[in-house]
Amino acid sequence: MDRPRVVTCDQWMLEGDAAVRWQVLRDLLDAPDDVVARERARVATTGWGARLLALQDPEGTWAHALYSPKWTSTTYTLLLLRQLGLPADDPPGAAGV
């Protein structure tokens, strides 16, 4: 009989999005700073962060507006990208600022 695979909480979270993985590495696993930074940089190119950046308008905004419509405009999208861990020096993120 096959035994079920036991997965710890941190292992399960490491299987998720880069926006979650870098925080697990930093806060739960005490990974070295360079490992955390490398994973955090992936927020711009994979998963949720990349999907949001792909929706950026040619002008550098989202929804062609700074504050309205609520939740999809530039202000709210940049706040979300910040919470996901998009590095401050990321060029598309900086263009939105």
C-alpha atoms as a PDB file:
ATOM      1  CA  MET A   1       0.000   0.000   0.000  1.00  0.00           C
ATOM      2  CA  ASP A   2       1.356   3.417  -0.980  1.00  0.00           C
ATOM      3  CA  ARG A   3       1.716   5.843   1.863  1.00  0.00           C
ATOM      4  CA  PRO A   4       0.562   9.422   1.285  1.00  0.00           C
ATOM      5  CA  ARG A   5       3.312  11.925   0.769  1.00  0.00           C
ATOM      6  CA  VAL A   6       3.775  14.163   3.785  1.00  0.00           C
ATOM      7  CA  VAL A   7       4.475  17.739   2.853  1.00  0.00           C
ATOM      8  CA  THR A   8       5.351  20.415   5.354  1.00  0.00           C
ATOM      9  CA  CYS A   9       3.769  23.827   5.069  1.00  0.00           C
ATOM     10  CA  ASP A  10       6.944  25.495   3.830  1.00  0.00           C
ATOM     11  CA  GLN A  11       7.452  22.790   1.174  1.00  0.00           C
ATOM     12  CA  TRP A  12       3.899  23.273  -0.074  1.00  0.00           C
ATOM     13  CA  MET A  13       4.344  27.037  -0.292  1.00  0.00           C
ATOM     14  CA  LEU A  14       7.595  26.618  -2.201  1.00  0.00           C
ATOM     15  CA  GLU A  15       5.602  24.928  -4.965  1.00  0.00           C
ATOM     16  CA  GLY A  16       3.594  28.132  -5.530  1.00  0.00           C
ATOM     17  CA  ASP A  17       4.199  31.456  -7.200  1.00  0.00           C
ATOM     18  CA  ALA A  18       7.528  33.303  -7.006  1.00  0.00           C
ATOM     19  CA  ALA A  19       5.723  36.026  -5.033  1.00  0.00           C
ATOM     20  CA  VAL A  20       5.143  33.475  -2.281  1.00  0.00           C
ATOM     21  CA  ARG A  21       8.406  31.533  -2.622  1.00  0.00           C
ATOM     22  CA  TRP A  22      10.759  34.436  -1.945  1.00  0.00           C
ATOM     23  CA  GLN A  23       8.891  35.295   1.258  1.00  0.00           C
ATOM     24  CA  VAL A  24       8.929  31.661   2.425  1.00  0.00           C
ATOM     25  CA  LEU A  25      12.653  31.515   1.748  1.00  0.00           C
ATOM     26  CA  ARG A  26      13.227  34.745   3.697  1.00  0.00           C
ATOM     27  CA  ASP A  27      10.753  34.420   6.562  1.00  0.00           C
ATOM     28  CA  LEU A  28      10.423  30.687   7.192  1.00  0.00           C
ATOM     29  CA  LEU A  29      13.605  29.093   5.918  1.00  0.00           C
ATOM     30  CA  ASP A  30      16.140  31.859   6.659  1.00  0.00           C
ATOM     31  CA  ALA A  31      17.676  31.375   3.226  1.00  0.00           C
ATOM     32  CA  PRO A  32      20.754  33.424   2.315  1.00  0.00           C
ATOM     33  CA  ASP A  33      20.045  36.922   1.014  1.00  0.00           C
ATOM     34  CA  ASP A  34      21.309  36.129  -2.478  1.00  0.00           C
ATOM     35  CA  VAL A  35      18.912  33.165  -2.777  1.00  0.00           C
ATOM     36  CA  VAL A  36      15.988  35.320  -1.620  1.00  0.00           C
ATOM     37  CA  ALA A  37      16.946  38.142  -4.007  1.00  0.00           C
ATOM     38  CA  ARG A  38      17.241  35.764  -6.947  1.00  0.00           C
ATOM     39  CA  GLU A  39      13.782  34.323  -6.268  1.00  0.00           C
ATOM     40  CA  ARG A  40      12.285  37.764  -5.661  1.00  0.00           C
ATOM     41  CA  ALA A  41      13.611  38.968  -9.024  1.00  0.00           C
ATOM     42  CA  ARG A  42      11.547  36.212 -10.675  1.00  0.00           C
ATOM     43  CA  VAL A  43       8.347  38.047  -9.639  1.00  0.00           C
ATOM     44  CA  ALA A  44       8.834  40.246 -12.726  1.00  0.00           C
ATOM     45  CA  THR A  45       9.149  37.335 -15.143  1.00  0.00           C
ATOM     46  CA  THR A  46       6.921  34.547 -13.835  1.00  0.00           C
ATOM     47  CA  GLY A  47       3.508  34.032 -12.319  1.00  0.00           C
ATOM     48  CA  TRP A  48       1.266  36.753 -10.951  1.00  0.00           C
ATOM     49  CA  GLY A  49       3.815  39.561 -11.281  1.00  0.00           C
ATOM     50  CA  ALA A  50       4.520  38.785 -14.925  1.00  0.00           C
ATOM     51  CA  ARG A  51       0.790  38.592 -15.666  1.00  0.00           C
ATOM     52  CA  LEU A  52       0.220  42.047 -14.175  1.00  0.00           C
ATOM     53  CA  LEU A  53       3.210  43.521 -15.995  1.00  0.00           C
ATOM     54  CA  ALA A  54       1.909  42.073 -19.276  1.00  0.00           C
ATOM     55  CA  LEU A  55      -1.235  44.180 -18.844  1.00  0.00           C
ATOM     56  CA  GLN A  56       0.732  47.432 -18.643  1.00  0.00           C
ATOM     57  CA  ASP A  57      -0.279  50.043 -21.223  1.00  0.00           C
ATOM     58  CA  PRO A  58       2.328  51.347 -23.708  1.00  0.00           C
ATOM     59  CA  GLU A  59       2.390  54.617 -21.711  1.00  0.00           C
ATOM     60  CA  GLY A  60       3.518  52.697 -18.619  1.00  0.00           C
ATOM     61  CA  THR A  61       0.148  52.849 -16.865  1.00  0.00           C
ATOM     62  CA  TRP A  62      -2.576  50.301 -16.230  1.00  0.00           C
ATOM     63  CA  ALA A  63      -6.171  50.892 -17.366  1.00  0.00           C
ATOM     64  CA  HIS A  64      -4.883  54.122 -18.972  1.00  0.00           C
ATOM     65  CA  ALA A  65      -5.350  55.876 -15.632  1.00  0.00           C
ATOM     66  CA  LEU A  66      -3.519  56.698 -12.436  1.00  0.00           C
ATOM     67  CA  TYR A  67      -6.186  56.134  -9.782  1.00  0.00           C
ATOM     68  CA  SER A  68      -9.484  55.206 -11.375  1.00  0.00           C
ATOM     69  CA  PRO A  69     -10.980  52.698 -12.144  1.00  0.00           C
ATOM     70  CA  LYS A  70     -10.403  51.406  -8.656  1.00  0.00           C
ATOM     71  CA  TRP A  71      -8.384  48.170  -8.347  1.00  0.00           C
ATOM     72  CA  THR A  72      -7.224  48.070 -11.991  1.00  0.00           C
ATOM     73  CA  SER A  73      -5.600  51.477 -12.380  1.00  0.00           C
ATOM     74  CA  THR A  74      -1.894  52.194 -12.064  1.00  0.00           C
ATOM     75  CA  THR A  75      -1.931  53.062  -8.360  1.00  0.00           C
ATOM     76  CA  TYR A  76      -3.555  49.824  -7.282  1.00  0.00           C
ATOM     77  CA  THR A  77      -1.572  47.663  -9.662  1.00  0.00           C
ATOM     78  CA  LEU A  78       1.716  49.132  -8.454  1.00  0.00           C
ATOM     79  CA  LEU A  79       0.649  48.609  -4.842  1.00  0.00           C
ATOM     80  CA  LEU A  80      -0.109  44.972  -5.600  1.00  0.00           C
ATOM     81  CA  LEU A  81       3.172  44.491  -7.466  1.00  0.00           C
ATOM     82  CA  ARG A  82       4.975  45.965  -4.463  1.00  0.00           C
ATOM     83  CA  GLN A  83       3.228  43.513  -2.144  1.00  0.00           C
ATOM     84  CA  LEU A  84       4.135  40.649  -4.461  1.00  0.00           C
ATOM     85  CA  GLY A  85       7.768  41.727  -4.164  1.00  0.00           C
ATOM     86  CA  LEU A  86       8.514  43.312  -7.523  1.00  0.00           C
ATOM     87  CA  PRO A  87      11.980  44.822  -7.080  1.00  0.00           C
ATOM     88  CA  ALA A  88      11.962  48.627  -7.001  1.00  0.00           C
ATOM     89  CA  ASP A  89      14.482  48.824  -9.840  1.00  0.00           C
ATOM     90  CA  ASP A  90      12.413  46.706 -12.251  1.00  0.00           C
ATOM     91  CA  PRO A  91      12.145  48.761 -15.504  1.00  0.00           C
ATOM     92  CA  PRO A  92       8.432  48.170 -16.250  1.00  0.00           C
ATOM     93  CA  GLY A  93       7.541  48.888 -12.649  1.00  0.00           C
ATOM     94  CA  ALA A  94       9.624  52.048 -12.695  1.00  0.00           C
ATOM     95  CA  ALA A  95       7.855  53.120 -15.905  1.00  0.00           C
ATOM     96  CA  GLY A  96       4.554  52.912 -14.051  1.00  0.00           C
ATOM     97  CA  VAL A  97       5.868  55.212 -11.366  1.00  0.00           C
END
